[in-house]
Protein backbone atom coordinates (compact mmCIF):
# COMPACT_ATOMS: atom_id res chain seq x y z
CA GLY A 1 132.37 65.46 -39.63
CA ASN A 2 132.77 63.70 -36.27
CA ALA A 3 134.66 60.85 -37.95
CA ARG A 4 137.14 63.21 -39.52
CA ALA A 5 137.45 65.21 -36.30
CA TYR A 6 138.37 62.03 -34.42
CA GLU A 7 141.05 61.23 -37.00
CA LEU A 8 142.56 64.70 -36.75
CA THR A 9 142.34 65.20 -32.98
CA GLY A 10 141.91 61.78 -31.37
CA ASN A 11 138.93 63.17 -29.46
CA SER A 12 137.13 60.15 -27.96
CA THR A 13 133.80 61.99 -27.89
CA ASP A 14 133.86 62.35 -31.67
CA ARG A 15 134.49 58.63 -32.04
CA ALA A 16 131.68 57.80 -29.60
CA VAL A 17 129.30 59.93 -31.67
CA VAL A 18 130.22 57.96 -34.81
CA ASP A 19 129.96 54.56 -33.12
CA ASN A 20 126.65 55.33 -31.43
CA PHE A 21 125.13 56.88 -34.54
CA LEU A 22 125.99 53.94 -36.78
CA ALA A 23 124.93 51.35 -34.20
CA HIS A 24 121.56 53.07 -33.71
CA LEU A 25 121.00 53.47 -37.44
CA LEU A 26 121.76 49.83 -38.29
CA THR A 27 119.84 48.47 -35.31
CA ASN A 28 116.70 50.59 -35.53
CA HIS A 29 116.33 52.29 -38.91
CA SER A 30 117.75 50.08 -41.67
CA PHE A 31 116.04 48.01 -44.33
CA ALA A 32 117.33 44.70 -45.72
CA THR A 33 119.12 46.69 -48.41
CA GLY A 34 121.37 48.30 -45.81
CA GLY A 35 119.67 51.59 -46.63
CA SER A 36 117.50 53.77 -44.43
CA SER A 37 115.36 56.91 -44.41
CA SER A 38 111.90 57.67 -45.71
CA GLY A 39 111.03 60.99 -47.24
CA GLU A 40 114.51 62.37 -46.46
CA CYS A 41 114.25 61.67 -42.73
CA TRP A 42 114.39 58.87 -40.16
CA GLN A 43 111.22 57.83 -38.38
CA ASN A 44 110.83 56.38 -34.89
CA SER A 45 112.99 53.39 -34.00
CA ARG A 46 111.91 50.10 -35.58
CA ASP A 47 108.93 51.81 -37.21
CA LEU A 48 109.69 51.00 -40.85
CA GLY A 49 106.59 49.16 -42.07
CA ALA A 50 104.27 52.16 -42.31
CA PHE A 51 106.83 53.95 -44.47
CA LEU A 52 107.38 51.28 -47.12
CA ASP A 53 106.44 53.30 -50.16
CA ALA A 54 107.95 55.12 -53.14
CA GLN A 55 109.91 57.56 -50.94
CA THR A 56 112.32 55.21 -49.16
CA GLU A 57 116.10 55.09 -49.11
CA GLU A 58 117.42 58.39 -50.38
CA SER A 59 120.63 57.97 -52.39
CA CYS A 60 122.41 60.74 -50.46
CA THR A 61 121.77 58.91 -47.18
CA GLN A 62 123.24 55.69 -48.53
CA TYR A 63 126.26 57.58 -49.83
CA ASN A 64 126.97 59.23 -46.48
CA VAL A 65 126.50 56.11 -44.34
CA LEU A 66 128.89 54.23 -46.62
CA LYS A 67 131.47 56.95 -46.00
CA ILE A 68 131.05 56.51 -42.25
CA ALA A 69 131.36 52.71 -42.46
CA ARG A 70 134.51 53.04 -44.56
CA ARG A 71 136.16 55.41 -42.11
CA ARG A 72 135.26 53.26 -39.13
CA PHE A 73 136.70 50.20 -40.83
CA MET A 74 139.97 52.09 -41.19
CA TRP A 75 140.04 52.47 -37.39
CA THR A 76 139.12 48.91 -36.40
CA ALA A 77 139.43 46.56 -39.41
CA ASP A 78 136.12 45.05 -38.27
CA ALA A 79 134.63 42.64 -40.81
CA ALA A 80 131.12 43.72 -39.76
CA ASP A 81 131.71 47.16 -41.30
CA ALA A 82 132.94 45.55 -44.53
CA ASP A 83 129.85 43.31 -44.55
CA PHE A 84 127.59 46.33 -44.22
CA TYR A 85 129.52 48.14 -46.94
CA GLU A 86 128.96 45.25 -49.35
CA ARG A 87 125.22 45.04 -48.75
CA ALA A 88 124.63 48.79 -48.84
CA LEU A 89 126.73 49.27 -51.99
CA TRP A 90 125.22 46.43 -54.01
CA ASN A 91 121.61 47.11 -53.03
CA GLY A 92 121.56 50.86 -52.64
CA ILE A 93 124.11 52.39 -55.02
CA LEU A 94 124.99 50.15 -57.97
CA GLY A 95 121.42 49.97 -59.26
CA ASN A 96 120.79 53.70 -58.97
CA GLN A 97 122.17 54.57 -62.39
CA ASN A 98 120.32 53.53 -65.53
CA ARG A 99 123.12 52.07 -67.65
CA LEU A 100 120.68 51.45 -70.50
CA HIS A 101 119.90 55.14 -70.78
CA SER A 102 121.68 57.07 -73.50
CA GLY A 103 124.68 58.75 -71.91
CA ALA A 104 124.04 56.94 -68.59
CA THR A 105 122.76 60.21 -67.14
CA SER A 106 119.61 58.80 -65.54
CA TYR A 107 119.77 58.48 -61.72
CA ILE A 108 117.45 57.63 -58.82
CA TYR A 109 116.74 60.09 -56.01
CA MET A 110 114.76 57.57 -53.93
CA LEU A 111 114.84 53.79 -54.20
CA PRO A 112 111.24 52.64 -53.67
CA LEU A 113 110.93 49.60 -51.43
CA GLY A 114 107.20 49.37 -50.75
CA GLY A 115 104.52 47.74 -52.85
CA VAL A 116 104.64 47.37 -56.62
CA GLN A 117 106.89 50.18 -57.80
CA HIS A 118 108.96 51.34 -60.75
CA LYS A 119 112.34 52.97 -60.41
CA PRO A 120 111.75 56.73 -60.67
CA TRP A 121 114.56 57.64 -63.06
CA GLY A 122 115.53 61.30 -63.14
CA LYS A 123 117.70 63.23 -65.56
CA SER A 124 121.04 64.27 -64.11
CA ASP A 125 121.67 66.48 -67.15
CA TYR A 126 118.50 68.45 -66.43
CA GLY A 127 118.50 70.04 -63.00
CA PHE A 128 120.89 68.97 -60.29
CA PRO A 129 119.45 67.88 -56.90
CA CYS A 130 121.77 66.62 -54.18
CA CYS A 131 121.57 62.92 -55.13
CA TRP A 132 122.87 63.55 -58.63
CA GLY A 133 126.08 64.85 -57.09
CA THR A 134 126.52 62.08 -54.54
CA LEU A 135 125.74 59.38 -57.11
CA SER A 136 128.19 60.90 -59.60
CA GLU A 137 130.87 60.69 -56.91
CA SER A 138 129.79 57.19 -55.88
CA PHE A 139 130.17 55.78 -59.38
CA ALA A 140 133.52 57.53 -59.77
CA LYS A 141 134.97 55.83 -56.67
CA LEU A 142 133.59 52.29 -56.80
CA SER A 143 137.07 50.87 -56.30
CA ASP A 144 137.93 52.73 -53.10
CA SER A 145 136.98 50.00 -50.59
CA ILE A 146 137.84 46.73 -52.34
CA PHE A 147 141.27 46.38 -50.70
CA PHE A 148 142.96 47.84 -47.63
CA ALA A 149 146.48 47.57 -46.25
CA ALA A 150 147.78 47.83 -42.70
CA PRO A 151 149.76 51.06 -42.17
CA ASP A 152 152.89 49.10 -41.25
CA GLY A 153 152.69 46.89 -44.34
CA SER A 154 152.11 43.71 -42.34
CA ALA A 155 148.69 42.83 -43.73
CA PHE A 156 146.60 43.12 -46.88
CA PHE A 157 142.80 43.01 -46.60
CA ILE A 158 140.46 41.74 -49.31
CA ASN A 159 137.08 43.20 -48.40
CA GLN A 160 135.00 43.12 -51.57
CA PHE A 161 134.76 40.45 -54.24
CA VAL A 162 135.23 42.66 -57.28
CA SER A 163 137.63 42.21 -60.19
CA ALA A 164 140.52 44.57 -59.50
CA SER A 165 144.23 44.70 -58.80
CA ALA A 166 146.30 46.62 -56.27
CA ARG A 167 149.96 47.26 -55.57
CA PHE A 168 151.13 46.37 -52.09
CA GLY A 169 154.42 48.10 -51.56
CA PRO A 170 156.99 48.48 -54.34
CA TYR A 171 157.23 44.81 -55.33
CA ILE A 172 153.88 43.05 -54.82
CA THR A 173 150.67 43.19 -56.85
CA LEU A 174 147.50 41.30 -55.98
CA GLN A 175 145.09 40.55 -58.81
CA GLN A 176 141.52 39.52 -58.12
CA GLN A 177 139.23 38.03 -60.74
CA ALA A 178 135.74 37.94 -59.25
CA ARG A 179 132.79 35.83 -60.35
CA PHE A 180 130.57 36.95 -57.48
CA PRO A 181 127.60 37.33 -57.61
CA VAL A 182 127.00 35.72 -61.00
CA HIS A 183 128.50 32.32 -60.17
CA PRO A 184 126.73 30.59 -57.27
CA THR A 185 129.84 28.98 -55.76
CA SER A 186 133.03 30.32 -57.40
CA THR A 187 133.57 33.68 -55.71
CA ALA A 188 137.02 34.86 -56.82
CA THR A 189 140.53 33.93 -57.91
CA ILE A 190 143.38 35.90 -56.33
CA THR A 191 146.85 35.81 -57.85
CA ILE A 192 150.00 37.11 -56.17
CA ARG A 193 152.62 38.77 -58.37
CA ILE A 194 156.06 39.61 -56.95
CA LYS A 195 158.47 41.75 -58.91
CA ASP A 196 162.05 40.52 -59.26
CA ASN A 197 161.39 37.73 -56.72
CA ALA A 198 161.74 40.19 -53.85
CA ALA A 199 161.63 37.57 -51.10
CA ALA A 200 162.28 40.02 -48.27
CA ALA A 201 159.12 41.95 -49.12
CA SER A 202 156.84 38.96 -49.69
CA THR A 203 156.05 37.95 -46.09
CA PHE A 204 152.73 39.35 -44.94
CA ASP A 205 149.27 38.40 -43.70
CA LEU A 206 146.58 38.14 -46.33
CA LYS A 207 143.22 38.73 -44.66
CA LEU A 208 140.24 37.49 -46.65
CA ARG A 209 136.80 38.58 -45.52
CA VAL A 210 134.49 35.68 -44.72
CA PRO A 211 131.08 37.28 -45.33
CA GLY A 212 128.33 37.24 -42.75
CA TRP A 213 125.90 35.72 -45.27
CA LEU A 214 128.01 32.56 -45.71
CA LYS A 215 126.39 29.46 -44.23
CA VAL A 216 128.63 27.80 -41.66
CA GLY A 217 130.49 24.86 -43.16
CA SER A 218 129.77 25.75 -46.79
CA GLY A 219 132.88 27.71 -47.82
CA ARG A 220 136.24 26.63 -49.14
CA VAL A 221 139.53 28.42 -49.83
CA THR A 222 142.48 26.78 -51.60
CA LEU A 223 146.06 27.93 -52.12
CA ASN A 224 147.74 26.45 -55.19
CA GLY A 225 145.13 23.70 -55.21
CA LYS A 226 145.42 22.71 -51.54
CA GLN A 227 142.78 23.62 -48.96
CA VAL A 228 143.82 26.38 -46.59
CA ASP A 229 143.77 25.50 -42.90
CA GLY A 230 141.65 27.61 -40.61
CA GLN A 231 138.00 27.94 -39.75
CA LEU A 232 135.76 29.99 -42.02
CA THR A 233 133.81 31.99 -39.46
CA PRO A 234 131.18 34.27 -41.04
CA ARG A 235 131.72 37.99 -40.41
CA SER A 236 135.43 37.61 -39.72
CA TYR A 237 138.70 37.27 -41.61
CA LEU A 238 140.58 34.19 -42.71
CA THR A 239 144.22 35.11 -42.13
CA ILE A 240 146.87 33.43 -44.26
CA SER A 241 150.38 34.18 -42.98
CA ARG A 242 153.24 33.07 -45.18
CA ASN A 243 156.17 33.95 -47.34
CA TRP A 244 154.36 34.44 -50.63
CA ASN A 245 155.74 33.38 -53.99
CA ASP A 246 155.20 34.88 -57.40
CA GLY A 247 152.27 33.11 -59.05
CA ASP A 248 150.57 31.88 -55.85
CA VAL A 249 146.85 31.44 -56.54
CA LEU A 250 143.98 31.51 -54.07
CA GLU A 251 140.62 30.11 -55.12
CA VAL A 252 137.71 31.36 -53.02
CA SER A 253 134.37 29.57 -52.86
CA PHE A 254 131.72 31.22 -50.71
CA PRO A 255 128.44 29.73 -52.00
CA LEU A 256 125.47 32.04 -52.18
CA SER A 257 122.22 30.82 -50.64
CA LEU A 258 118.63 31.95 -50.28
CA TRP A 259 117.40 33.31 -46.95
CA THR A 260 114.91 35.81 -45.59
CA ALA A 261 115.48 39.10 -43.79
CA PRO A 262 112.49 40.18 -41.65
CA LEU A 263 111.49 43.83 -41.68
CA ASN A 264 112.89 45.62 -38.62
CA ASP A 265 109.54 46.73 -37.21
CA TYR A 266 108.02 46.11 -33.78
CA HIS A 267 104.36 46.28 -34.89
CA PRO A 268 102.67 42.84 -35.03
CA GLU A 269 101.01 43.63 -38.37
CA TYR A 270 104.45 43.63 -40.00
CA ASN A 271 105.82 40.44 -38.41
CA ALA A 272 105.47 38.55 -41.70
CA THR A 273 107.00 41.28 -43.89
CA MET A 274 110.40 40.22 -45.15
CA ALA A 275 112.86 40.47 -47.99
CA PHE A 276 114.10 37.48 -49.94
CA MET A 277 117.89 37.48 -50.00
CA TYR A 278 120.53 35.75 -52.13
CA GLY A 279 123.77 36.15 -50.26
CA PRO A 280 123.94 39.92 -49.56
CA LEU A 281 121.56 40.79 -52.41
CA VAL A 282 117.91 41.75 -51.97
CA LEU A 283 115.81 40.02 -54.62
CA ALA A 284 113.07 41.85 -56.49
CA GLY A 285 110.00 40.43 -58.16
CA VAL A 286 109.74 41.43 -61.81
CA HIS A 287 106.39 41.86 -63.58
CA VAL A 288 104.32 41.19 -60.48
CA ALA A 289 100.91 42.66 -59.70
CA SER A 290 101.11 42.43 -55.92
CA ASP A 291 103.71 42.53 -53.16
CA ILE A 292 101.86 39.81 -51.23
CA PHE A 293 103.59 36.46 -51.65
CA VAL A 294 101.67 33.32 -50.68
CA PRO A 295 103.64 30.04 -50.69
CA LEU A 296 102.25 27.15 -52.68
CA ASN A 297 99.35 25.30 -50.97
CA SER A 298 99.06 28.04 -48.35
CA THR A 299 96.45 30.66 -47.65
CA PHE A 300 96.90 34.29 -46.78
CA GLN A 301 95.20 35.66 -43.66
CA SER A 302 95.03 39.36 -42.97
């Protein structure tokens, strides 16, 4: 509500509420998934470990925080908001519908993050709690934050690496064929199509998000086979300014890598609790009997 009020009135207090809320949530209450909440509420700041159980990360919460991040990106074009959107969407929305279920009507109210758990599938065609509505909307609008355009038509933003196409003005279409996250190094191919060789409309900035999870020095972007100049700084944009031609092709390589995300908790007993990450994705152990992981040739001490 405050985000929309700021857009309608320009009231700086409404914007400050949005900025402070999101900063506090991401700094003090969020899991590695980008999600938050336990039992439909937020606990004390950086007090997440004691609440790792079957009642974490309500789908409605994830849905609403994604809406806030999207609106704030539209104010600032900050790559950090697009980074958060990617992690929260992939880890906290896309897996909350059981696509193997007949009719795809099986949803998740809570995404359990603690211990050895099973996804608690519920029936969206039998009863209708709040999360069934927000998830239905979420899956109907998966394409709404892949691309953005500057209001004056000077720039086109590629925020998410998802196969899609978009028209940019009356003459230009951008087509993205994504291989993320299946391919470890080949992220996406982006092709520029210009109708009737409209040269006057083909000069603009293409802004490609360089994700925060990219290791420095590991990425590569080529245009028509030649490497694009410019530093690939994680959590920023690579800006390519040129007069584009029909058939121009960008190849994007942002290699995925393994890393760990410590649990955001100040208690010493949780200082070794962490999630294993692959790029922006939280990995899950399948068919395991315990959530305690001991590296080879090591011992576990409680």
